């Protein structure tokens, strides 16, 4: 089941471009996961952008007044 849900299982030459983002203080997902996916995307000639963002955890949200504001990526 994990393999079916994993993004890497669906890399295909005809796939859409991908945006890979890691928070530098992410304690949940390993940077290795994004690196492995990037390698497979490159092999399949799929366009991708990869970035690591300082001081962001896995969920990349700000908390103000007990409401969550997603980090805007431009």
N, C-alpha and C. Protein backbone atom coordinates (compact mmCIF):
# COMPACT_ATOMS: atom_id res chain seq x y z
N UNK A 1 0.82 -1.19 0.00
CA UNK A 1 0.00 0.00 0.00
C UNK A 1 0.87 1.26 0.00
N UNK A 2 1.98 1.24 0.76
CA UNK A 2 2.85 2.41 0.80
C UNK A 2 3.36 2.75 -0.59
N UNK A 3 3.79 1.74 -1.33
CA UNK A 3 4.33 1.99 -2.67
C UNK A 3 3.30 2.64 -3.58
N UNK A 4 2.05 2.23 -3.48
CA UNK A 4 0.99 2.82 -4.30
C UNK A 4 0.75 4.28 -3.95
N UNK A 5 0.91 4.63 -2.67
CA UNK A 5 0.66 6.00 -2.22
C UNK A 5 1.86 6.92 -2.42
N UNK A 6 3.02 6.34 -2.61
CA UNK A 6 4.24 7.12 -2.74
C UNK A 6 4.32 7.85 -4.08
N UNK A 7 4.70 9.11 -4.03
CA UNK A 7 4.84 9.90 -5.26
C UNK A 7 5.83 9.28 -6.23
N UNK A 8 6.87 8.69 -5.71
CA UNK A 8 7.91 8.13 -6.56
C UNK A 8 7.39 6.99 -7.43
N UNK A 9 6.32 6.34 -6.99
CA UNK A 9 5.72 5.25 -7.76
C UNK A 9 4.97 5.75 -8.99
N UNK A 10 4.73 7.04 -9.04
CA UNK A 10 3.93 7.61 -10.13
C UNK A 10 4.73 8.52 -11.06
N UNK A 11 6.06 8.49 -10.92
CA UNK A 11 6.90 9.29 -11.82
C UNK A 11 6.82 8.69 -13.21
N UNK A 12 6.57 9.56 -14.17
CA UNK A 12 6.36 9.10 -15.54
C UNK A 12 6.75 10.22 -16.49
N UNK A 13 7.37 9.86 -17.59
CA UNK A 13 7.86 10.84 -18.57
C UNK A 13 6.77 11.84 -18.98
N UNK A 14 5.52 11.41 -18.96
CA UNK A 14 4.41 12.28 -19.35
C UNK A 14 3.80 13.03 -18.16
N UNK A 15 4.46 12.95 -17.00
CA UNK A 15 3.93 13.56 -15.78
C UNK A 15 4.02 15.08 -15.80
N UNK A 16 3.30 15.67 -14.88
CA UNK A 16 3.32 17.13 -14.72
C UNK A 16 4.58 17.56 -13.98
N UNK A 17 4.91 18.83 -14.07
CA UNK A 17 6.06 19.35 -13.33
C UNK A 17 5.77 19.26 -11.83
N UNK A 18 6.84 19.32 -11.03
CA UNK A 18 6.69 19.13 -9.59
C UNK A 18 7.42 20.23 -8.83
N UNK A 19 6.89 20.57 -7.67
CA UNK A 19 7.52 21.50 -6.75
C UNK A 19 7.82 20.73 -5.48
N UNK A 20 9.10 20.63 -5.13
CA UNK A 20 9.54 19.92 -3.93
C UNK A 20 10.06 20.96 -2.94
N UNK A 21 9.50 20.97 -1.74
CA UNK A 21 9.91 21.93 -0.71
C UNK A 21 10.15 21.19 0.59
N UNK A 22 11.29 21.47 1.21
CA UNK A 22 11.59 20.93 2.53
C UNK A 22 11.83 22.08 3.49
N UNK A 23 11.33 21.92 4.71
CA UNK A 23 11.67 22.85 5.77
C UNK A 23 12.97 22.38 6.39
N UNK A 24 13.90 23.28 6.64
CA UNK A 24 15.21 22.87 7.16
C UNK A 24 15.12 22.32 8.58
N UNK A 25 14.01 22.59 9.30
CA UNK A 25 13.88 22.03 10.64
C UNK A 25 12.78 20.96 10.69
N UNK A 26 12.55 20.32 9.57
CA UNK A 26 11.55 19.25 9.47
C UNK A 26 12.05 18.02 10.22
N UNK A 27 11.32 17.60 11.23
CA UNK A 27 11.69 16.42 12.00
C UNK A 27 10.85 15.21 11.60
N UNK A 28 9.99 15.36 10.58
CA UNK A 28 9.08 14.29 10.18
C UNK A 28 9.57 13.58 8.92
N UNK A 29 9.83 14.34 7.88
CA UNK A 29 10.22 13.75 6.59
C UNK A 29 11.70 14.01 6.32
N UNK A 30 12.39 12.99 5.91
CA UNK A 30 13.81 13.11 5.61
C UNK A 30 14.04 13.82 4.28
N UNK A 31 15.07 14.63 4.23
CA UNK A 31 15.46 15.29 2.98
C UNK A 31 15.77 14.23 1.91
N UNK A 32 16.18 13.06 2.35
CA UNK A 32 16.50 11.96 1.43
C UNK A 32 15.29 11.62 0.55
N UNK A 33 14.08 11.74 1.10
CA UNK A 33 12.87 11.45 0.31
C UNK A 33 12.76 12.38 -0.89
N UNK A 34 12.96 13.68 -0.66
CA UNK A 34 12.89 14.65 -1.76
C UNK A 34 14.01 14.43 -2.76
N UNK A 35 15.21 14.14 -2.25
CA UNK A 35 16.35 13.90 -3.13
C UNK A 35 16.08 12.69 -4.03
N UNK A 36 15.58 11.61 -3.45
CA UNK A 36 15.29 10.40 -4.23
C UNK A 36 14.23 10.68 -5.29
N UNK A 37 13.20 11.44 -4.94
CA UNK A 37 12.16 11.80 -5.90
C UNK A 37 12.75 12.68 -7.00
N UNK A 38 13.59 13.63 -6.63
CA UNK A 38 14.22 14.51 -7.63
C UNK A 38 15.05 13.72 -8.63
N UNK A 39 15.77 12.73 -8.15
CA UNK A 39 16.58 11.87 -9.04
C UNK A 39 15.68 11.16 -10.05
N UNK A 40 14.58 10.60 -9.57
CA UNK A 40 13.66 9.89 -10.46
C UNK A 40 12.98 10.84 -11.45
N UNK A 41 12.62 12.03 -11.00
CA UNK A 41 12.03 13.02 -11.90
C UNK A 41 13.02 13.40 -13.00
N UNK A 42 14.27 13.59 -12.62
CA UNK A 42 15.30 13.94 -13.60
C UNK A 42 15.49 12.82 -14.63
N UNK A 43 15.53 11.57 -14.15
CA UNK A 43 15.67 10.42 -15.06
C UNK A 43 14.53 10.37 -16.07
N UNK A 44 13.33 10.77 -15.64
CA UNK A 44 12.15 10.72 -16.51
C UNK A 44 11.97 12.01 -17.30
N UNK A 45 12.93 12.94 -17.19
CA UNK A 45 12.86 14.24 -17.88
C UNK A 45 11.64 15.05 -17.51
N UNK A 46 11.23 14.95 -16.25
CA UNK A 46 10.11 15.74 -15.74
C UNK A 46 10.68 16.99 -15.08
N UNK A 47 10.14 18.15 -15.44
CA UNK A 47 10.60 19.40 -14.83
C UNK A 47 10.24 19.43 -13.36
N UNK A 48 11.16 19.93 -12.54
CA UNK A 48 10.88 20.08 -11.12
C UNK A 48 11.70 21.23 -10.55
N UNK A 49 11.22 21.77 -9.46
CA UNK A 49 11.94 22.78 -8.70
C UNK A 49 12.05 22.26 -7.27
N UNK A 50 13.23 22.39 -6.69
CA UNK A 50 13.44 21.94 -5.32
C UNK A 50 13.99 23.09 -4.50
N UNK A 51 13.45 23.28 -3.28
CA UNK A 51 13.94 24.33 -2.40
C UNK A 51 13.84 23.87 -0.95
N UNK A 52 14.76 24.34 -0.14
CA UNK A 52 14.70 24.13 1.32
C UNK A 52 14.52 25.49 1.95
N UNK A 53 13.60 25.59 2.88
CA UNK A 53 13.27 26.88 3.49
C UNK A 53 13.75 26.90 4.93
N UNK A 54 14.52 27.94 5.26
CA UNK A 54 15.04 28.12 6.62
C UNK A 54 13.91 28.20 7.64
N UNK A 55 14.16 27.70 8.82
CA UNK A 55 13.26 27.87 9.97
C UNK A 55 11.83 27.41 9.73
N UNK A 56 11.63 26.42 8.90
CA UNK A 56 10.27 25.90 8.67
C UNK A 56 10.23 24.42 9.01
N UNK A 57 9.21 24.00 9.75
CA UNK A 57 9.03 22.58 10.05
C UNK A 57 8.30 21.89 8.90
N UNK A 58 7.85 20.70 9.13
CA UNK A 58 7.17 19.91 8.11
C UNK A 58 5.91 20.59 7.56
N UNK A 59 5.10 21.15 8.45
CA UNK A 59 3.82 21.73 8.02
C UNK A 59 3.95 23.14 7.46
N UNK A 60 5.06 23.80 7.69
CA UNK A 60 5.33 25.14 7.15
C UNK A 60 4.20 26.12 7.36
N UNK A 61 3.75 26.27 8.59
CA UNK A 61 2.69 27.23 8.89
C UNK A 61 3.17 28.23 9.94
N UNK A 62 2.54 29.39 9.94
CA UNK A 62 2.74 30.39 10.97
C UNK A 62 1.56 30.29 11.92
N UNK A 63 1.77 30.53 13.18
CA UNK A 63 0.67 30.54 14.13
C UNK A 63 0.55 31.94 14.71
N UNK A 64 -0.61 32.56 14.51
CA UNK A 64 -0.88 33.89 15.06
C UNK A 64 -2.34 33.91 15.50
N UNK A 65 -2.56 34.30 16.73
CA UNK A 65 -3.92 34.35 17.26
C UNK A 65 -4.64 33.00 17.13
N UNK A 66 -3.90 31.92 17.29
CA UNK A 66 -4.45 30.56 17.26
C UNK A 66 -5.06 30.20 15.90
N UNK A 67 -4.68 30.89 14.87
CA UNK A 67 -5.12 30.52 13.51
C UNK A 67 -3.86 30.19 12.70
N UNK A 68 -3.99 29.26 11.82
CA UNK A 68 -2.83 28.86 11.01
C UNK A 68 -2.88 29.59 9.67
N UNK A 69 -1.73 30.16 9.32
CA UNK A 69 -1.60 30.85 8.04
C UNK A 69 -0.56 30.11 7.22
N UNK A 70 -0.93 29.50 6.11
CA UNK A 70 0.05 28.77 5.30
C UNK A 70 1.13 29.71 4.76
N UNK A 71 2.29 29.17 4.61
CA UNK A 71 3.40 29.91 4.03
C UNK A 71 3.13 30.09 2.54
N UNK A 72 3.17 31.31 2.07
CA UNK A 72 2.93 31.58 0.65
C UNK A 72 4.23 31.36 -0.11
N UNK A 73 4.17 30.64 -1.18
CA UNK A 73 5.32 30.39 -2.03
C UNK A 73 5.06 31.06 -3.36
N UNK A 74 6.00 31.91 -3.76
CA UNK A 74 5.80 32.61 -5.04
C UNK A 74 6.85 32.21 -6.04
